[in-house]
Amino acid sequence: MNPLHRRAFVVAAAAAAAVCAHARAAAGSVLLLRHALTDPGVGDPLGFVLEHCATQRNLSPEGRKQARALGERLAARGLTPLAIRSSRWCRCLHTADEIAQGLGAGAVAPTPWAALDSVFGQPDREPAQTLQLRERLAALRGPGFEIWVTHQVNISAFVAASTAMGQALWLRRHADASVTAAPFE
């Protein structure tokens, strides 16, 4: 495994460990994750079709393992998300599926959510999608957390942070409507 992939894997593993303390203590919490490692390349090929994974940049075998390992670490700590929501892009859906498989029996099935879809090259969609994310985070009450799988461009718009593939941020909304994002390192 090359050093960059190893670092991303370690970051994902650390994310699972860090979520333990936060998930039990925080209401209105989200583990926001950039999709796991993909095949080399930047972005999707021209003319990709959302409904056809073969036309998109997809997870690498290491990315599938990375995502499943995150689910296994959460399960080992007795942490099960209330929901797993994902962008409709295949690399995000497959990341969410692998996390759910790693969580094991009884894990919630991932749900595609257009609010997590990539806004790359479509800045006019970003404000409405970011507002949907803020509203959902504000609606979360009580114990527990959700997992959201999305793209770097969306994470930057939502919390002004940069993440590597497979890296997660712990989000929490506060009473004053501010959102804190703590990286898992």
Protein backbone atom coordinates (compact mmCIF):
# COMPACT_ATOMS: atom_id res chain seq x y z
CA MET A 1 0.00 0.00 0.00
CA ASN A 2 1.51 3.33 -0.97
CA PRO A 3 2.00 5.99 1.74
CA LEU A 4 -0.94 8.18 0.62
CA HIS A 5 -3.36 5.25 0.66
CA ARG A 6 -1.98 4.08 4.01
CA ARG A 7 -2.48 7.58 5.46
CA ALA A 8 -6.07 7.69 4.20
CA PHE A 9 -6.71 4.24 5.69
CA VAL A 10 -5.24 5.31 9.04
CA VAL A 11 -7.37 8.46 8.98
CA ALA A 12 -10.51 6.38 8.39
CA ALA A 13 -9.57 4.04 11.24
CA ALA A 14 -8.95 6.98 13.54
CA ALA A 15 -12.34 8.37 12.52
CA ALA A 16 -14.05 5.31 13.88
CA ALA A 17 -12.20 5.56 17.19
CA ALA A 18 -12.90 9.27 17.58
CA VAL A 19 -16.60 8.92 16.81
CA CYS A 20 -17.11 6.79 19.94
CA ALA A 21 -16.82 9.62 22.43
CA HIS A 22 -18.71 12.09 20.28
CA ALA A 23 -21.60 9.83 19.25
CA ARG A 24 -22.62 8.95 22.76
CA ALA A 25 -22.42 12.49 24.05
CA ALA A 26 -23.68 14.62 21.17
CA ALA A 27 -27.18 15.17 19.88
CA GLY A 28 -27.41 16.36 16.32
CA SER A 29 -24.25 14.62 15.15
CA VAL A 30 -23.06 13.55 11.73
CA LEU A 31 -20.04 11.61 10.60
CA LEU A 32 -19.42 13.38 7.28
CA LEU A 33 -17.25 11.29 5.00
CA ARG A 34 -15.67 11.92 1.63
CA HIS A 35 -16.08 8.77 -0.45
CA ALA A 36 -13.35 6.16 -0.04
CA LEU A 37 -10.35 5.74 -2.34
CA THR A 38 -11.10 5.61 -6.06
CA ASP A 39 -9.37 4.47 -9.17
CA PRO A 40 -6.81 7.06 -10.29
CA GLY A 41 -8.10 10.17 -12.00
CA VAL A 42 -9.74 13.44 -11.18
CA GLY A 43 -13.47 13.78 -11.52
CA ASP A 44 -15.77 11.80 -13.77
CA PRO A 45 -15.24 11.25 -17.48
CA LEU A 46 -17.09 13.59 -19.84
CA GLY A 47 -20.57 12.32 -20.57
CA PHE A 48 -20.83 10.12 -17.48
CA VAL A 49 -24.31 8.88 -16.63
CA LEU A 50 -25.34 8.98 -12.98
CA GLU A 51 -27.33 5.75 -13.25
CA HIS A 52 -24.45 3.80 -14.89
CA CYS A 53 -21.46 3.14 -12.67
CA ALA A 54 -19.32 2.00 -15.60
CA THR A 55 -19.31 5.59 -16.89
CA GLN A 56 -18.01 7.06 -13.60
CA ARG A 57 -14.84 7.11 -11.54
CA ASN A 58 -15.37 4.30 -9.04
CA LEU A 59 -13.91 2.91 -5.83
CA SER A 60 -10.68 0.99 -6.03
CA PRO A 61 -10.40 -2.37 -4.25
CA GLU A 62 -8.48 -0.51 -1.51
CA GLY A 63 -11.34 1.97 -1.24
CA ARG A 64 -13.86 -0.82 -0.70
CA LYS A 65 -11.66 -2.27 2.05
CA GLN A 66 -11.20 1.19 3.57
CA ALA A 67 -14.95 1.79 3.78
CA ARG A 68 -15.72 -1.68 5.14
CA ALA A 69 -13.00 -1.24 7.80
CA LEU A 70 -14.70 1.95 8.98
CA GLY A 71 -17.98 0.06 9.41
CA GLU A 72 -16.22 -2.77 11.25
CA ARG A 73 -14.55 -0.35 13.65
CA LEU A 74 -17.86 1.34 14.41
CA ALA A 75 -19.47 -2.06 15.01
CA ALA A 76 -16.61 -3.15 17.28
CA ARG A 77 -17.38 -0.15 19.48
CA GLY A 78 -21.11 -0.80 19.52
CA LEU A 79 -21.90 2.23 17.40
CA THR A 80 -24.65 1.97 14.84
CA PRO A 81 -25.74 5.05 12.92
CA LEU A 82 -29.38 6.04 12.85
CA ALA A 83 -29.06 6.49 9.08
CA ILE A 84 -26.50 6.23 6.31
CA ARG A 85 -27.14 8.81 3.60
CA SER A 86 -25.17 9.02 0.37
CA SER A 87 -24.69 11.01 -2.77
CA ARG A 88 -26.17 9.21 -5.76
CA TRP A 89 -22.71 8.94 -7.41
CA CYS A 90 -21.62 5.29 -7.49
CA ARG A 91 -18.37 5.84 -5.55
CA CYS A 92 -20.37 7.32 -2.67
CA LEU A 93 -23.11 4.68 -2.79
CA HIS A 94 -20.50 1.92 -2.81
CA THR A 95 -18.67 3.55 0.12
CA ALA A 96 -21.96 3.65 2.05
CA ASP A 97 -22.74 0.02 1.13
CA GLU A 98 -19.32 -1.16 2.33
CA ILE A 99 -19.72 0.76 5.61
CA ALA A 100 -23.12 -0.90 6.13
CA GLN A 101 -21.64 -4.33 5.40
CA GLY A 102 -18.86 -3.65 7.88
CA LEU A 103 -21.45 -2.72 10.50
CA GLY A 104 -22.98 -6.18 10.11
CA ALA A 105 -26.43 -7.58 10.67
CA GLY A 106 -29.03 -5.04 11.66
CA ALA A 107 -27.26 -2.10 10.02
CA VAL A 108 -29.50 0.38 8.29
CA ALA A 109 -29.46 0.29 4.51
CA PRO A 110 -27.84 3.33 2.88
CA THR A 111 -30.23 5.84 1.37
CA PRO A 112 -29.37 7.94 -1.70
CA TRP A 113 -29.90 11.63 -0.97
CA ALA A 114 -29.61 14.25 -3.72
CA ALA A 115 -28.54 16.89 -1.18
CA LEU A 116 -25.19 15.05 -1.01
CA ASP A 117 -24.72 14.89 -4.80
CA SER A 118 -21.66 16.61 -6.21
CA VAL A 119 -22.10 20.28 -7.08
CA PHE A 120 -18.81 20.36 -9.02
CA GLY A 121 -19.26 22.55 -12.07
CA GLN A 122 -22.78 23.52 -10.97
CA PRO A 123 -22.32 26.30 -8.40
CA ASP A 124 -25.94 27.42 -8.78
CA ARG A 125 -27.03 24.18 -7.01
CA GLU A 126 -24.66 24.55 -4.06
CA PRO A 127 -26.60 27.04 -1.87
CA ALA A 128 -29.82 24.99 -1.91
CA GLN A 129 -28.02 21.71 -1.25
CA THR A 130 -25.94 23.17 1.56
CA LEU A 131 -29.13 24.57 3.10
CA GLN A 132 -30.70 21.09 3.00
CA LEU A 133 -27.69 19.69 4.84
CA ARG A 134 -27.86 22.42 7.48
CA GLU A 135 -31.59 21.87 7.95
CA ARG A 136 -31.14 18.10 8.34
CA LEU A 137 -28.32 18.57 10.83
CA ALA A 138 -30.53 21.00 12.78
CA ALA A 139 -33.38 18.47 12.82
CA LEU A 140 -31.27 15.75 14.46
CA ARG A 141 -32.19 15.43 18.11
CA GLY A 142 -31.43 12.96 20.84
CA PRO A 143 -28.60 10.47 21.03
CA GLY A 144 -27.01 8.89 18.01
CA PHE A 145 -25.56 10.01 14.74
CA GLU A 146 -25.94 9.73 11.00
CA ILE A 147 -23.29 8.98 8.38
CA TRP A 148 -23.25 11.13 5.26
CA VAL A 149 -21.09 10.14 2.28
CA THR A 150 -20.38 12.89 -0.22
CA HIS A 151 -17.74 14.72 -2.31
CA GLN A 152 -14.95 17.15 -1.48
CA VAL A 153 -16.68 20.08 -3.19
CA ASN A 154 -19.75 19.61 -0.97
CA ILE A 155 -17.69 19.30 2.20
CA SER A 156 -15.85 22.51 1.34
CA ALA A 157 -19.14 24.33 0.79
CA PHE A 158 -20.70 23.00 3.99
CA VAL A 159 -17.88 23.36 6.51
CA ALA A 160 -15.01 25.04 4.61
CA ALA A 161 -12.71 22.06 5.14
CA SER A 162 -10.60 19.96 2.84
CA THR A 163 -10.61 16.17 3.16
CA ALA A 164 -8.76 13.29 1.55
CA MET A 165 -10.66 10.36 0.07
CA GLY A 166 -11.98 8.29 2.95
CA GLN A 167 -11.39 11.03 5.50
CA ALA A 168 -14.21 11.91 7.86
CA LEU A 169 -15.26 14.92 9.88
CA TRP A 170 -17.36 14.82 13.00
CA LEU A 171 -20.07 17.50 12.70
CA ARG A 172 -22.11 18.86 15.52
CA ARG A 173 -24.69 21.63 15.45
CA HIS A 174 -24.89 23.88 18.48
CA ALA A 175 -27.84 25.77 19.97
CA ASP A 176 -26.69 29.00 18.31
CA ALA A 177 -26.92 27.21 14.89
CA SER A 178 -23.14 27.13 14.48
CA VAL A 179 -21.59 23.91 13.24
CA THR A 180 -18.27 22.56 14.42
CA ALA A 181 -16.28 20.12 12.32
CA ALA A 182 -13.60 18.08 14.01
CA PRO A 183 -11.29 16.09 11.73
CA PHE A 184 -10.43 12.55 12.69
CA GLU A 185 -6.66 12.29 12.77
